[in-house]
Every structure is written in C-alpha cells, then in structure tokens.
Amino acid sequence: MRRYRPRIALALFWTVIMAGLTALYPVVIQQSFHLFTANRTDLLWLIPPAIIAITLAKSAAQFGQAVAI
C-alpha cells in the first residue's frame, strides 16, 4: 500500500481538478445567460472559447487521472 500512495494522491489531485472544471460549466452558462439578458452581446463571443477551454482542460485532467491509476 505504501508504494501506491503517490499514485493515489495524484489520482485524487486529478479527480479534484476534474470536479472543479465540471462545476464551471453551469457558471459559464449562467454568465452567458446574464450577458444575453443584459444585452451585452459584445462579450458573448467569449463563451464558446471558454467552453472549449474548459472541455480541453477537463479532458486533460481525465487523462491524468486515468494514467495515474
């Protein structure tokens, strides 16, 4: 068990990162809704790149988690 501690810790780290990034999805959607209802269409172009960046980071965290295990 002792020799697996670093790998378990690394897997937990990636799990926490993935959970945090998953929690960002509703925040981004909520902010886009607020921007849209406030007629701030000048900032709406930032939403798709933000969603893509979150998805890429989440995928990297999921890969890190799979490799650590």
C-alpha atoms as a PDB file:
ATOM      1  CA  MET A   1       0.000   0.000   0.000  1.00  0.00           C
ATOM      2  CA  ARG A   2       2.800   2.393   0.867  1.00  0.00           C
ATOM      3  CA  ARG A   3       4.315   2.295  -2.611  1.00  0.00           C
ATOM      4  CA  TYR A   4       0.982   3.296  -4.195  1.00  0.00           C
ATOM      5  CA  ARG A   5       0.467   6.425  -2.089  1.00  0.00           C
ATOM      6  CA  PRO A   6       1.964   8.863  -4.633  1.00  0.00           C
ATOM      7  CA  ARG A   7      -0.162   7.413  -7.429  1.00  0.00           C
ATOM      8  CA  ILE A   8      -3.301   7.542  -5.308  1.00  0.00           C
ATOM      9  CA  ALA A   9      -2.537  11.134  -4.334  1.00  0.00           C
ATOM     10  CA  LEU A  10      -2.003  12.050  -7.970  1.00  0.00           C
ATOM     11  CA  ALA A  11      -5.273  10.398  -8.972  1.00  0.00           C
ATOM     12  CA  LEU A  12      -7.091  12.293  -6.214  1.00  0.00           C
ATOM     13  CA  PHE A  13      -5.498  15.533  -7.386  1.00  0.00           C
ATOM     14  CA  TRP A  14      -6.740  14.985 -10.944  1.00  0.00           C
ATOM     15  CA  THR A  15     -10.157  13.990  -9.617  1.00  0.00           C
ATOM     16  CA  VAL A  16     -10.462  17.263  -7.702  1.00  0.00           C
ATOM     17  CA  ILE A  17      -9.345  19.235 -10.770  1.00  0.00           C
ATOM     18  CA  MET A  18     -11.875  17.423 -12.938  1.00  0.00           C
ATOM     19  CA  ALA A  19     -14.660  18.057 -10.414  1.00  0.00           C
ATOM     20  CA  GLY A  20     -13.814  21.746 -10.298  1.00  0.00           C
ATOM     21  CA  LEU A  21     -13.803  22.041 -14.064  1.00  0.00           C
ATOM     22  CA  THR A  22     -17.110  20.183 -14.282  1.00  0.00           C
ATOM     23  CA  ALA A  23     -18.579  22.688 -11.829  1.00  0.00           C
ATOM     24  CA  LEU A  24     -17.544  25.536 -14.140  1.00  0.00           C
ATOM     25  CA  TYR A  25     -19.993  24.505 -16.867  1.00  0.00           C
ATOM     26  CA  PRO A  26     -23.103  25.845 -15.090  1.00  0.00           C
ATOM     27  CA  VAL A  27     -21.228  29.011 -14.117  1.00  0.00           C
ATOM     28  CA  VAL A  28     -20.300  29.727 -17.735  1.00  0.00           C
ATOM     29  CA  ILE A  29     -23.845  29.023 -18.914  1.00  0.00           C
ATOM     30  CA  GLN A  30     -25.278  31.256 -16.183  1.00  0.00           C
ATOM     31  CA  GLN A  31     -22.906  34.084 -17.065  1.00  0.00           C
ATOM     32  CA  SER A  32     -23.761  33.784 -20.745  1.00  0.00           C
ATOM     33  CA  PHE A  33     -27.467  33.945 -19.868  1.00  0.00           C
ATOM     34  CA  HIS A  34     -26.888  37.062 -17.758  1.00  0.00           C
ATOM     35  CA  LEU A  35     -24.885  38.677 -20.550  1.00  0.00           C
ATOM     36  CA  PHE A  36     -27.578  37.861 -23.076  1.00  0.00           C
ATOM     37  CA  THR A  37     -30.427  39.200 -20.937  1.00  0.00           C
ATOM     38  CA  ALA A  38     -28.436  42.361 -20.195  1.00  0.00           C
ATOM     39  CA  ASN A  39     -27.934  42.913 -23.955  1.00  0.00           C
ATOM     40  CA  ARG A  40     -24.168  42.597 -23.554  1.00  0.00           C
ATOM     41  CA  THR A  41     -23.741  40.853 -26.885  1.00  0.00           C
ATOM     42  CA  ASP A  42     -20.258  42.361 -27.218  1.00  0.00           C
ATOM     43  CA  LEU A  43     -18.985  39.827 -24.661  1.00  0.00           C
ATOM     44  CA  LEU A  44     -20.942  36.782 -25.799  1.00  0.00           C
ATOM     45  CA  TRP A  45     -18.187  35.792 -28.214  1.00  0.00           C
ATOM     46  CA  LEU A  46     -16.101  34.783 -25.166  1.00  0.00           C
ATOM     47  CA  ILE A  47     -18.477  31.985 -24.159  1.00  0.00           C
ATOM     48  CA  PRO A  48     -17.670  29.380 -26.880  1.00  0.00           C
ATOM     49  CA  PRO A  49     -13.875  29.649 -26.405  1.00  0.00           C
ATOM     50  CA  ALA A  50     -14.368  29.405 -22.631  1.00  0.00           C
ATOM     51  CA  ILE A  51     -16.447  26.245 -23.028  1.00  0.00           C
ATOM     52  CA  ILE A  52     -13.834  24.764 -25.368  1.00  0.00           C
ATOM     53  CA  ALA A  53     -11.014  25.632 -22.945  1.00  0.00           C
ATOM     54  CA  ILE A  54     -12.887  24.102 -20.004  1.00  0.00           C
ATOM     55  CA  THR A  55     -13.607  20.964 -22.019  1.00  0.00           C
ATOM     56  CA  LEU A  56      -9.959  20.611 -23.072  1.00  0.00           C
ATOM     57  CA  ALA A  57      -8.741  21.112 -19.518  1.00  0.00           C
ATOM     58  CA  LYS A  58     -11.295  18.626 -18.217  1.00  0.00           C
ATOM     59  CA  SER A  59     -10.168  16.091 -20.823  1.00  0.00           C
ATOM     60  CA  ALA A  60      -6.549  16.579 -19.788  1.00  0.00           C
ATOM     61  CA  ALA A  61      -7.497  16.073 -16.135  1.00  0.00           C
ATOM     62  CA  GLN A  62      -9.430  12.938 -17.012  1.00  0.00           C
ATOM     63  CA  PHE A  63      -6.424  11.624 -18.923  1.00  0.00           C
ATOM     64  CA  GLY A  64      -4.144  12.437 -15.982  1.00  0.00           C
ATOM     65  CA  GLN A  65      -6.494  10.611 -13.662  1.00  0.00           C
ATOM     66  CA  ALA A  66      -6.581   7.540 -15.911  1.00  0.00           C
ATOM     67  CA  VAL A  67      -2.797   7.456 -16.260  1.00  0.00           C
ATOM     68  CA  ALA A  68      -2.255   7.892 -12.522  1.00  0.00           C
ATOM     69  CA  ILE A  69      -4.395   4.864 -11.789  1.00  0.00           C
END
